[in-house]
Structure formats: C-alpha cells, structure tokens
C-alpha cells in the first residue's frame, strides 16, 4: 500500500532518561516485531524487519491514542509502563500463533489469548497473578478502543479470586496502632529532613543522624568507610545519595500533607509560590511574571507551610539549575521519572524497626484520619481532591470506634436522654410504669426519684459515676425504710423496700457485665461504707441521718 504512511507511534510527552528506551508501538506492524526487545527494536535496521502488515495499522493507531490520552490525563507512568509491557506480551502471542491482530479481529484474538493463558496456568507455566494481570490491562485498553459495552475480561473464564476484597474494619486498638505507627514513621521523616542540611550533606563523613527515639544512623553516602578516595569529594557526584534520602523523605511528607498521588507530585515544577487561606490550610498557587497569581497547584495544612518553605530553600541551594520540585539524582546526574520505590527510606525503616508507609498507604491514612475528625465526607472529599463517591468506595476504611460514635449519635437523636429526678437518665417521651410493676411500687410522675426506677423511660448509664449514684440512692432509701413502723394491718411491701430491691438488681446486673463494672460496683459500695456519697444524694442522706 504505497499511499499509506506509518504515523508517529511514540510518546513524546513521556520523559525518559538516556538509559531508558522510549515507548514505540511500531513493533505491532511487523510479524517479527516482538522478536526483539524494545531497546533492540529502537536500534534495529529496517532490513531486518518483516514487511509492514498494513491491516494492523488501525488497531495500533487506536491503541496509541488511548495510551496517549491516559498519559495526558495524568495517569502514572508506572501504570502505563505495565500496560505497554502487557500489550507486548499479547502481541508476541499473536505473532507466534499467526493471528491477524486487526481492529476487526481484536476481540476474538483477545478471547483466544485468555484461553491460552488459562492453559499455561494449568500447566504451571504462568502464575495466578500474571494470569489476571495480563488480560486485565490489555482488556482495558481494547475496551476503550472497541467501545465495549461489556468488558472483555468479563467475557473470559478468568476470575480473579481476590478481585472483590472486603474492607477490614479497624477496631479501636487496631486503629490506634495504625496511627501510632504512622506517627512514628512521620517523626523519622522529619528527623531525616532536619539532619540532612546543605552543610551536613557536604560535610565530613560519616554523617550521624540522631533520631528522637535515641537511635543513630551512620551515613557514608554509599561510599566505603576505608580506602575510598571519593570520600574527599564533597560534591553531589558523591553526596547525591544523602540528597536523595532527604528528597524521598520530603516527597513522602508532601504526599501525606497534600494527598497528591506519586505521579502528580513527581511532575511538579519548582518556582515561586503564594499561599491563600483555604479551609484549615492554604491553597498554594504558582506566581508568574505576566500575571499576579496562577492556578492552584496543591493544598496544604497550615502547619506544613513552614516545612515546605524550608525545603524549597534547601532544594534551590543544592539544585539551582533543576526545574523539578523533587529532583532525584543518579550518579550521572539523571533521574528516573518512571519508577521510584523509596529504597533509601525503606532500608532505614528496616534498620530502625519502623513500619514503612508508602504513598498509597499515606493517602489512605490521611483520608481516614480526616473522615474521623471532620465526620463530613463532603469536606474530606474536597480536601482530598476526590469525588465523594470515590472517596467512600476506594479510600474509606470501616472503623469500629467511629461506628460506635455514629450509633450513639443515632440513639441520642431517636432516644434523647434528659435529666432525670432519679438515678440515670430519661428518654423524655412520657411517664409510664414498667410492665408487671408491683402494685405498691412508686408511680412514675417525673417528680419523685423513686418512680423513675419503675418507669419505661428510665435509662441506666454505663459508668462508674452511675454505680456510685445507685448505691448512694439505695442507702438513702434504706434510711427511709429504717424509720418506717408498719401498722399491724399493713399488707404488702413498703415502696422503699421495692426501690431498694430494684436498685440492688441493677447493681448486680452491672457487676455481671464484666470485671471492670464489678470494680465500679465494689468501689461504690466501699465509698458508701466510708460515708462518701454521690453529690446528687449527699444532702438528702445527711438530712435523713439527722432525723434518724
């Protein structure tokens, strides 16, 4: 087809270092294109490639458009690189099996490929993880290309056993432990940034970093302690590992403070910034020469501003010619913009026995902390720069402590507790006797405290103070009963005796709940024996004792 021309199927927007091979989908157009690695294909002579298969051009162009669109939309280069690799695996299978790999056959080719993957897995040549990952990524690309109404992956026999994961609810202790570990990790990051000043990085080795825990890190910047002539070199050529250690720490602090994902943070450029108050912090805007203020770059907590400004001064001093906000360096002065595993931080965490929190976990922890403190998904979603639905479905972790608070609030709304004349609190609807109350029992009238104990609206309180109040009130009624001289013709129990019996039953029930409640009851009884009464009944008891 002499009139056809192969368009540019590379990705100029994706930045690669000199050691990396730029992506290029032209290999799809040759039957032997996948016989060569990406690096080999970029350097291979055209004479070594088979003829161009022009029928594949439409599919290659469509796939390039989808990947290009995701790149422009800000998708992580790490994620995109995985999709590009998995697409190459699919194309290699198609070439080996003689498939057409065209726009019209893409669906059939994909479904047949999924069956081949299942066979490889059954024979032990493919792991469970790869069995799902390959068709999941490639199927997603083809869904976008073909406009599939039903996902291609769902039309295969491949099922991800762990694809539907239940969110584990954190109990009170588990949540405290998670936050405690996160704070310990954050303290370590702050200690690293404090210690790795410009002077310290360019100073003599070893650099000793003292942490607030009392631990000490001895840093040699990747050099050998003895016999290494490069120790005398104080420039970034030898000291860049120490600079990278601080940049990794600053980057993680930045992500925890802003909620940005890693790829967005890595793409930020340095410059002059202004701060505009917003919610509980600032909107950080970029300043330009030709206008007074630029667009919002990110949002930060008020407390983080000092950390950020200190970092910017440090960054400008070490990297005055680099325009990246987080300029990670290698020995040849180049950085890897695609992959960053925070190896420097993880190694220090392992050495110090501190749990490592990666960018994704930091964002989850930040969002759930905000949810618990604001109790407002809408405000939290705005601060986290997410849709409310995304925040709840993807980031929110069920929390027993928060659930208990919400349940308590619900009961307070539906069963509001009011001040009660007797021990405990009142639901406040209307006074009504409990079922099967003895005829001699005091009648509830919202005036006399004794009647409250036989009212359906009375509520006990799970607290040590309530146990003390019950015991004190029982003592008061025992004084009342001790003064009673029943006539010979009297029948039934005295109302005070019934009150004493009911209070005793309540104390016994509270004691039976568990050891802690039993200690409450024992402490309350000990106070009564010592003559120390609850303030609500102390005055009445003193008066009753005077009259006795």
Foldseek 3Di string as FASTA:
>chain_A
DVVDDQDFLWAVVDDFDPVDATDGLQLLQFLCSLVDDSVCSVVDDPVVTHDGNVQQRLVSVLLSVVLNVCVVVQPALQVSVLLSVLVSVLSNVCSVVVHSNHLVCVLVSLQVVLVVLVVCVVVVNDDLVCSCSSSVSPQVSNCSSNVDPDGSVVVHPRDNPCPDPDFDAAEPVRLVVVVVLVVVLLQVLVQLLVQLFPDQLLDAAQRWRQGPVRDIDTHDQPDDPPDGPCSVPSACLRSLSSVLLNLLSVLLVVCLFFLDFPLLLQPDWDADWDWDDDDQWTFIWHQDPVDGTHDGSTTGHNVCPVVLVVLSVRCCVRCVPGGTSRLRQDSVGHDGSRDDDSVVSVVVCVVVVRDDADSVNSSLSSLQVCCLVVVDLVVSCVSNVHDSVCCVVPRHHHYPVSVVVVVVVVCCVVQNWDPALAQATFSPDDWDFAPPDDPQADDDDSPHHRNLLGTPGGDHDLDLLSLLRLLQVLVLLVLVVVPDDDDPPDDDDHNSVVSNVSSVVVLVVQLVPDDVSVVSNVVSVVCVVVVNGRPSCNVVSVVSVVVD
